[in-house]
Amino acid sequence: MGDFIVYIRFERNNEVSEKDVTIGSIADVFCDDKTLESKVNAIKLVHVAPKVKRDRIVFSVMDVIKKINDVCPGVQIENIGEEDFVIDYIDESKPWYRGEILKFVNLIFICILTFCGSAFTIIAYDNDVDIPGIFSNLYEFFGVSGDNKLMEIMYSIGFGMGILVFYNHFCGKKITNDPSPIEVEQTAYEREIDDALFDKAERMKEEMKK
């Protein structure tokens, strides 16, 4: 076994739904010896308790290497992925429609909350900068009657188009292939959560050593 190198690659965050989490279920494993590769894939990392519906478990590659060496002594292991990673367990055994209904209710709530919040923000901003007064001055400057409401119409159209371009979404489709600001913020938020979990796990290890 020592003549073969086992390459493993873990993602930073790994979502699973099985109670028995094996290396193969969350990592990419490669070895010239396919028997050894299959054996490494089958190594169990953790077992989630039966009554647990959702859990996040922090793992280090060092823990994985120890488990591999317990099963396959003397194997050379090369990690080409994350040094620390999170196993995000979600129980998917409940009926599918319950999850879909909950998602739909959350979507409606978020849409209403976003609409009301955005409307209030826009109204407050327009009042703060006195948009009607600015339009009135522009109409007077160009000698145009303000009864036609041309600037208000163009302002509304431009505002809506600006929002679509900024968020890069329209009717569920992307305008460009670039990630939207929300996706960027979501990725940053998830990375910060993972970092916090890694720091917490590291502190717990240090406290156990004392």
C-alpha atoms as a PDB file:
ATOM      1  CA  MET A   1       0.000   0.000   0.000  1.00  0.00           C
ATOM      2  CA  GLY A   2       2.871   2.331   0.679  1.00  0.00           C
ATOM      3  CA  ASP A   3       3.738   2.383  -3.045  1.00  0.00           C
ATOM      4  CA  PHE A   4       0.508   4.162  -3.911  1.00  0.00           C
ATOM      5  CA  ILE A   5      -0.520   7.752  -3.212  1.00  0.00           C
ATOM      6  CA  VAL A   6      -4.124   8.538  -2.316  1.00  0.00           C
ATOM      7  CA  TYR A   7      -5.203  12.010  -3.429  1.00  0.00           C
ATOM      8  CA  ILE A   8      -8.146  13.540  -1.576  1.00  0.00           C
ATOM      9  CA  ARG A   9      -9.920  16.828  -2.130  1.00  0.00           C
ATOM     10  CA  PHE A  10     -12.522  18.302   0.209  1.00  0.00           C
ATOM     11  CA  GLU A  11     -14.751  21.275  -0.478  1.00  0.00           C
ATOM     12  CA  ARG A  12     -15.074  23.926   2.227  1.00  0.00           C
ATOM     13  CA  ASN A  13     -18.747  23.109   2.862  1.00  0.00           C
ATOM     14  CA  ASN A  14     -20.316  19.710   2.220  1.00  0.00           C
ATOM     15  CA  GLU A  15     -24.054  19.048   2.428  1.00  0.00           C
ATOM     16  CA  VAL A  16     -25.194  15.476   3.153  1.00  0.00           C
ATOM     17  CA  SER A  17     -28.468  13.752   4.007  1.00  0.00           C
ATOM     18  CA  GLU A  18     -27.177  10.318   5.056  1.00  0.00           C
ATOM     19  CA  LYS A  19     -26.651   9.487   8.727  1.00  0.00           C
ATOM     20  CA  ASP A  20     -23.399   7.636   7.971  1.00  0.00           C
ATOM     21  CA  VAL A  21     -21.003  10.100   6.377  1.00  0.00           C
ATOM     22  CA  THR A  22     -18.133   8.452   4.513  1.00  0.00           C
ATOM     23  CA  ILE A  23     -15.099  10.004   2.867  1.00  0.00           C
ATOM     24  CA  GLY A  24     -16.444   9.127  -0.570  1.00  0.00           C
ATOM     25  CA  SER A  25     -19.758  10.889   0.093  1.00  0.00           C
ATOM     26  CA  ILE A  26     -18.119  14.306   0.545  1.00  0.00           C
ATOM     27  CA  ALA A  27     -14.658  14.122  -1.067  1.00  0.00           C
ATOM     28  CA  ASP A  28     -13.016  13.381  -4.387  1.00  0.00           C
ATOM     29  CA  VAL A  29     -10.633  10.459  -3.961  1.00  0.00           C
ATOM     30  CA  PHE A  30      -8.160   9.182  -6.546  1.00  0.00           C
ATOM     31  CA  CYS A  31      -5.599   6.397  -6.442  1.00  0.00           C
ATOM     32  CA  ASP A  32      -3.984   4.190  -9.075  1.00  0.00           C
ATOM     33  CA  ASP A  33      -4.956   1.202  -6.933  1.00  0.00           C
ATOM     34  CA  LYS A  34      -8.744   1.130  -7.355  1.00  0.00           C
ATOM     35  CA  THR A  35      -9.173  -1.388  -4.534  1.00  0.00           C
ATOM     36  CA  LEU A  36      -7.418   1.006  -2.164  1.00  0.00           C
ATOM     37  CA  GLU A  37      -9.444   3.902  -3.567  1.00  0.00           C
ATOM     38  CA  SER A  38     -12.697   2.044  -2.849  1.00  0.00           C
ATOM     39  CA  LYS A  39     -11.534   1.205   0.662  1.00  0.00           C
ATOM     40  CA  VAL A  40     -10.747   4.862   1.392  1.00  0.00           C
ATOM     41  CA  ASN A  41     -14.101   5.973  -0.044  1.00  0.00           C
ATOM     42  CA  ALA A  42     -15.910   3.594   2.322  1.00  0.00           C
ATOM     43  CA  ILE A  43     -14.217   4.870   5.516  1.00  0.00           C
ATOM     44  CA  LYS A  44     -16.832   6.341   7.858  1.00  0.00           C
ATOM     45  CA  LEU A  45     -16.049   9.817   9.187  1.00  0.00           C
ATOM     46  CA  VAL A  46     -19.030  10.370  11.466  1.00  0.00           C
ATOM     47  CA  HIS A  47     -22.465   8.982  12.351  1.00  0.00           C
ATOM     48  CA  VAL A  48     -25.247  11.505  12.944  1.00  0.00           C
ATOM     49  CA  ALA A  49     -27.537  10.700  15.876  1.00  0.00           C
ATOM     50  CA  PRO A  50     -30.984   9.373  14.839  1.00  0.00           C
ATOM     51  CA  LYS A  51     -33.075  12.221  16.284  1.00  0.00           C
ATOM     52  CA  VAL A  52     -30.887  14.994  14.882  1.00  0.00           C
ATOM     53  CA  LYS A  53     -32.630  16.838  12.039  1.00  0.00           C
ATOM     54  CA  ARG A  54     -29.842  19.269  11.210  1.00  0.00           C
ATOM     55  CA  ASP A  55     -26.239  19.535  12.326  1.00  0.00           C
ATOM     56  CA  ARG A  56     -22.951  21.109  11.343  1.00  0.00           C
ATOM     57  CA  ILE A  57     -19.761  19.210  12.077  1.00  0.00           C
ATOM     58  CA  VAL A  58     -16.290  20.664  11.671  1.00  0.00           C
ATOM     59  CA  PHE A  59     -13.564  18.334  10.454  1.00  0.00           C
ATOM     60  CA  SER A  60      -9.854  18.700   9.843  1.00  0.00           C
ATOM     61  CA  VAL A  61      -7.904  16.837   7.180  1.00  0.00           C
ATOM     62  CA  MET A  62      -5.634  15.631   9.980  1.00  0.00           C
ATOM     63  CA  ASP A  63      -8.607  13.776  11.468  1.00  0.00           C
ATOM     64  CA  VAL A  64      -9.294  12.224   8.079  1.00  0.00           C
ATOM     65  CA  ILE A  65      -5.665  11.148   7.652  1.00  0.00           C
ATOM     66  CA  LYS A  66      -5.744   9.455  11.079  1.00  0.00           C
ATOM     67  CA  LYS A  67      -8.874   7.520  10.139  1.00  0.00           C
ATOM     68  CA  ILE A  68      -7.348   6.446   6.815  1.00  0.00           C
ATOM     69  CA  ASN A  69      -4.151   5.280   8.533  1.00  0.00           C
ATOM     70  CA  ASP A  70      -6.206   3.268  11.027  1.00  0.00           C
ATOM     71  CA  VAL A  71      -7.804   1.332   8.173  1.00  0.00           C
ATOM     72  CA  CYS A  72      -4.913   1.422   5.672  1.00  0.00           C
ATOM     73  CA  PRO A  73      -1.609   1.692   7.589  1.00  0.00           C
ATOM     74  CA  GLY A  74       1.333   3.120   5.683  1.00  0.00           C
ATOM     75  CA  VAL A  75      -0.696   4.716   2.890  1.00  0.00           C
ATOM     76  CA  GLN A  76       0.672   7.963   1.456  1.00  0.00           C
ATOM     77  CA  ILE A  77      -2.002  10.655   1.459  1.00  0.00           C
ATOM     78  CA  GLU A  78      -1.890  13.877  -0.535  1.00  0.00           C
ATOM     79  CA  ASN A  79      -4.482  16.537   0.282  1.00  0.00           C
ATOM     80  CA  ILE A  80      -5.216  18.888  -2.626  1.00  0.00           C
ATOM     81  CA  GLY A  81      -8.307  20.524  -1.131  1.00  0.00           C
ATOM     82  CA  GLU A  82      -9.356  22.391   1.994  1.00  0.00           C
ATOM     83  CA  GLU A  83      -7.481  21.756   5.233  1.00  0.00           C
ATOM     84  CA  ASP A  84     -10.633  22.311   7.308  1.00  0.00           C
ATOM     85  CA  PHE A  85     -14.166  21.668   6.144  1.00  0.00           C
ATOM     86  CA  VAL A  86     -17.751  21.574   7.375  1.00  0.00           C
ATOM     87  CA  ILE A  87     -20.180  18.668   7.082  1.00  0.00           C
ATOM     88  CA  ASP A  88     -23.671  20.163   6.879  1.00  0.00           C
ATOM     89  CA  TYR A  89     -26.208  17.429   7.661  1.00  0.00           C
ATOM     90  CA  ILE A  90     -29.844  18.017   6.662  1.00  0.00           C
ATOM     91  CA  ASP A  91     -32.532  15.413   7.271  1.00  0.00           C
ATOM     92  CA  GLU A  92     -34.491  14.963   4.029  1.00  0.00           C
ATOM     93  CA  SER A  93     -36.669  12.099   5.252  1.00  0.00           C
ATOM     94  CA  LYS A  94     -39.728  14.326   5.843  1.00  0.00           C
ATOM     95  CA  PRO A  95     -42.383  14.482   3.069  1.00  0.00           C
ATOM     96  CA  TRP A  96     -41.236  16.594   0.133  1.00  0.00           C
ATOM     97  CA  TYR A  97     -44.375  18.762   0.096  1.00  0.00           C
ATOM     98  CA  ARG A  98     -43.729  20.038   3.627  1.00  0.00           C
ATOM     99  CA  GLY A  99     -40.393  21.447   2.551  1.00  0.00           C
ATOM    100  CA  GLU A 100     -41.881  22.945  -0.629  1.00  0.00           C
ATOM    101  CA  ILE A 101     -44.730  24.600   1.286  1.00  0.00           C
ATOM    102  CA  LEU A 102     -42.274  26.064   3.780  1.00  0.00           C
ATOM    103  CA  LYS A 103     -40.101  27.389   0.953  1.00  0.00           C
ATOM    104  CA  PHE A 104     -43.135  28.962  -0.725  1.00  0.00           C
ATOM    105  CA  VAL A 105     -44.276  30.651   2.516  1.00  0.00           C
ATOM    106  CA  ASN A 106     -40.744  31.945   3.129  1.00  0.00           C
ATOM    107  CA  LEU A 107     -40.572  33.254  -0.446  1.00  0.00           C
ATOM    108  CA  ILE A 108     -43.866  35.142  -0.098  1.00  0.00           C
ATOM    109  CA  PHE A 109     -42.801  36.589   3.254  1.00  0.00           C
ATOM    110  CA  ILE A 110     -39.407  37.693   1.923  1.00  0.00           C
ATOM    111  CA  CYS A 111     -41.009  39.255  -1.196  1.00  0.00           C
ATOM    112  CA  ILE A 112     -43.510  41.241   0.891  1.00  0.00           C
ATOM    113  CA  LEU A 113     -40.831  42.310   3.370  1.00  0.00           C
ATOM    114  CA  THR A 114     -38.436  43.317   0.572  1.00  0.00           C
ATOM    115  CA  PHE A 115     -41.145  45.195  -1.342  1.00  0.00           C
ATOM    116  CA  CYS A 116     -42.327  47.167   1.699  1.00  0.00           C
ATOM    117  CA  GLY A 117     -38.788  47.934   2.856  1.00  0.00           C
ATOM    118  CA  SER A 118     -37.645  48.990  -0.606  1.00  0.00           C
ATOM    119  CA  ALA A 119     -40.728  51.160  -1.152  1.00  0.00           C
ATOM    120  CA  PHE A 120     -40.215  52.915   2.175  1.00  0.00           C
ATOM    121  CA  THR A 121     -36.521  53.474   1.420  1.00  0.00           C
ATOM    122  CA  ILE A 122     -37.235  54.936  -2.033  1.00  0.00           C
ATOM    123  CA  ILE A 123     -39.981  57.221  -0.691  1.00  0.00           C
ATOM    124  CA  ALA A 124     -37.761  58.400   2.175  1.00  0.00           C
ATOM    125  CA  TYR A 125     -34.868  59.071  -0.237  1.00  0.00           C
ATOM    126  CA  ASP A 126     -37.069  60.981  -2.690  1.00  0.00           C
ATOM    127  CA  ASN A 127     -38.444  63.125   0.115  1.00  0.00           C
ATOM    128  CA  ASP A 128     -34.987  63.697   1.565  1.00  0.00           C
ATOM    129  CA  VAL A 129     -33.505  65.009  -1.690  1.00  0.00           C
ATOM    130  CA  ASP A 130     -36.790  66.672  -2.750  1.00  0.00           C
ATOM    131  CA  ILE A 131     -37.166  64.898  -6.087  1.00  0.00           C
ATOM    132  CA  PRO A 132     -40.459  66.726  -6.925  1.00  0.00           C
ATOM    133  CA  GLY A 133     -38.707  70.059  -6.324  1.00  0.00           C
ATOM    134  CA  ILE A 134     -35.791  69.046  -8.558  1.00  0.00           C
ATOM    135  CA  PHE A 135     -38.164  68.061 -11.372  1.00  0.00           C
ATOM    136  CA  SER A 136     -40.079  71.326 -10.974  1.00  0.00           C
ATOM    137  CA  ASN A 137     -36.851  73.330 -11.252  1.00  0.00           C
ATOM    138  CA  LEU A 138     -35.790  71.374 -14.347  1.00  0.00           C
ATOM    139  CA  TYR A 139     -39.155  71.913 -16.022  1.00  0.00           C
ATOM    140  CA  GLU A 140     -38.876  75.637 -15.266  1.00  0.00           C
ATOM    141  CA  PHE A 141     -35.260  75.767 -16.506  1.00  0.00           C
ATOM    142  CA  PHE A 142     -36.110  74.155 -19.865  1.00  0.00           C
ATOM    143  CA  GLY A 143     -39.364  76.073 -20.143  1.00  0.00           C
ATOM    144  CA  VAL A 144     -41.471  72.912 -20.258  1.00  0.00           C
ATOM    145  CA  SER A 145     -44.816  72.442 -18.572  1.00  0.00           C
ATOM    146  CA  GLY A 146     -44.677  70.026 -15.657  1.00  0.00           C
ATOM    147  CA  ASP A 147     -48.159  68.700 -16.432  1.00  0.00           C
ATOM    148  CA  ASN A 148     -46.810  66.084 -18.855  1.00  0.00           C
ATOM    149  CA  LYS A 149     -44.856  64.267 -16.091  1.00  0.00           C
ATOM    150  CA  LEU A 150     -42.192  63.232 -18.632  1.00  0.00           C
ATOM    151  CA  MET A 151     -39.303  63.345 -16.131  1.00  0.00           C
ATOM    152  CA  GLU A 152     -41.245  61.362 -13.548  1.00  0.00           C
ATOM    153  CA  ILE A 153     -41.938  58.651 -16.135  1.00  0.00           C
ATOM    154  CA  MET A 154     -38.298  58.509 -17.287  1.00  0.00           C
ATOM    155  CA  TYR A 155     -37.106  58.523 -13.680  1.00  0.00           C
ATOM    156  CA  SER A 156     -39.350  55.546 -12.833  1.00  0.00           C
ATOM    157  CA  ILE A 157     -38.241  53.588 -15.912  1.00  0.00           C
ATOM    158  CA  GLY A 158     -34.574  54.329 -15.279  1.00  0.00           C
ATOM    159  CA  PHE A 159     -34.905  53.413 -11.609  1.00  0.00           C
ATOM    160  CA  GLY A 160     -36.443  50.037 -12.483  1.00  0.00           C
ATOM    161  CA  MET A 161     -33.838  49.288 -15.158  1.00  0.00           C
ATOM    162  CA  GLY A 162     -31.052  50.235 -12.751  1.00  0.00           C
ATOM    163  CA  ILE A 163     -32.358  47.757 -10.182  1.00  0.00           C
ATOM    164  CA  LEU A 164     -32.547  44.983 -12.799  1.00  0.00           C
ATOM    165  CA  VAL A 165     -28.979  45.643 -13.993  1.00  0.00           C
ATOM    166  CA  PHE A 166     -27.650  45.909 -10.432  1.00  0.00           C
ATOM    167  CA  TYR A 167     -29.207  42.640  -9.217  1.00  0.00           C
ATOM    168  CA  ASN A 168     -28.568  40.912 -12.559  1.00  0.00           C
ATOM    169  CA  HIS A 169     -31.884  39.044 -12.525  1.00  0.00           C
ATOM    170  CA  PHE A 170     -35.095  39.286 -14.520  1.00  0.00           C
ATOM    171  CA  CYS A 171     -37.924  36.720 -14.363  1.00  0.00           C
ATOM    172  CA  GLY A 172     -35.609  34.154 -12.790  1.00  0.00           C
ATOM    173  CA  LYS A 173     -32.925  34.563 -15.465  1.00  0.00           C
ATOM    174  CA  LYS A 174     -29.558  36.274 -15.313  1.00  0.00           C
ATOM    175  CA  ILE A 175     -28.810  39.181 -17.600  1.00  0.00           C
ATOM    176  CA  THR A 176     -25.087  38.344 -17.579  1.00  0.00           C
ATOM    177  CA  ASN A 177     -23.053  35.388 -16.314  1.00  0.00           C
ATOM    178  CA  ASP A 178     -21.485  37.476 -13.557  1.00  0.00           C
ATOM    179  CA  PRO A 179     -22.630  36.718  -9.987  1.00  0.00           C
ATOM    180  CA  SER A 180     -25.185  39.161  -8.633  1.00  0.00           C
ATOM    181  CA  PRO A 181     -24.408  41.321  -5.567  1.00  0.00           C
ATOM    182  CA  ILE A 182     -26.714  39.113  -3.503  1.00  0.00           C
ATOM    183  CA  GLU A 183     -24.821  35.977  -4.561  1.00  0.00           C
ATOM    184  CA  VAL A 184     -21.503  37.653  -3.712  1.00  0.00           C
ATOM    185  CA  GLU A 185     -22.782  38.682  -0.281  1.00  0.00           C
ATOM    186  CA  GLN A 186     -24.253  35.219   0.304  1.00  0.00           C
ATOM    187  CA  THR A 187     -20.927  33.589  -0.531  1.00  0.00           C
ATOM    188  CA  ALA A 188     -19.093  35.971   1.800  1.00  0.00           C
ATOM    189  CA  TYR A 189     -21.659  35.303   4.535  1.00  0.00           C
ATOM    190  CA  GLU A 190     -21.292  31.515   4.198  1.00  0.00           C
ATOM    191  CA  ARG A 191     -17.497  31.827   4.280  1.00  0.00           C
ATOM    192  CA  GLU A 192     -17.675  33.917   7.471  1.00  0.00           C
ATOM    193  CA  ILE A 193     -19.926  31.309   9.093  1.00  0.00           C
ATOM    194  CA  ASP A 194     -17.462  28.550   8.177  1.00  0.00           C
ATOM    195  CA  ASP A 195     -14.555  30.601   9.552  1.00  0.00           C
ATOM    196  CA  ALA A 196     -16.470  31.125  12.809  1.00  0.00           C
ATOM    197  CA  LEU A 197     -17.118  27.372  13.068  1.00  0.00           C
ATOM    198  CA  PHE A 198     -13.425  26.616  12.433  1.00  0.00           C
ATOM    199  CA  ASP A 199     -12.351  29.119  15.103  1.00  0.00           C
ATOM    200  CA  LYS A 200     -14.849  27.690  17.599  1.00  0.00           C
ATOM    201  CA  ALA A 201     -13.658  24.133  16.945  1.00  0.00           C
ATOM    202  CA  GLU A 202     -10.026  25.228  17.340  1.00  0.00           C
ATOM    203  CA  ARG A 203     -10.790  26.929  20.665  1.00  0.00           C
ATOM    204  CA  MET A 204     -12.562  23.826  21.927  1.00  0.00           C
ATOM    205  CA  LYS A 205      -9.518  21.709  21.036  1.00  0.00           C
ATOM    206  CA  GLU A 206      -7.235  24.117  22.885  1.00  0.00           C
ATOM    207  CA  GLU A 207      -9.480  24.049  25.963  1.00  0.00           C
ATOM    208  CA  MET A 208      -9.513  20.242  25.960  1.00  0.00           C
ATOM    209  CA  LYS A 209      -5.709  20.192  25.954  1.00  0.00           C
ATOM    210  CA  LYS A 210      -5.519  22.331  29.120  1.00  0.00           C
END
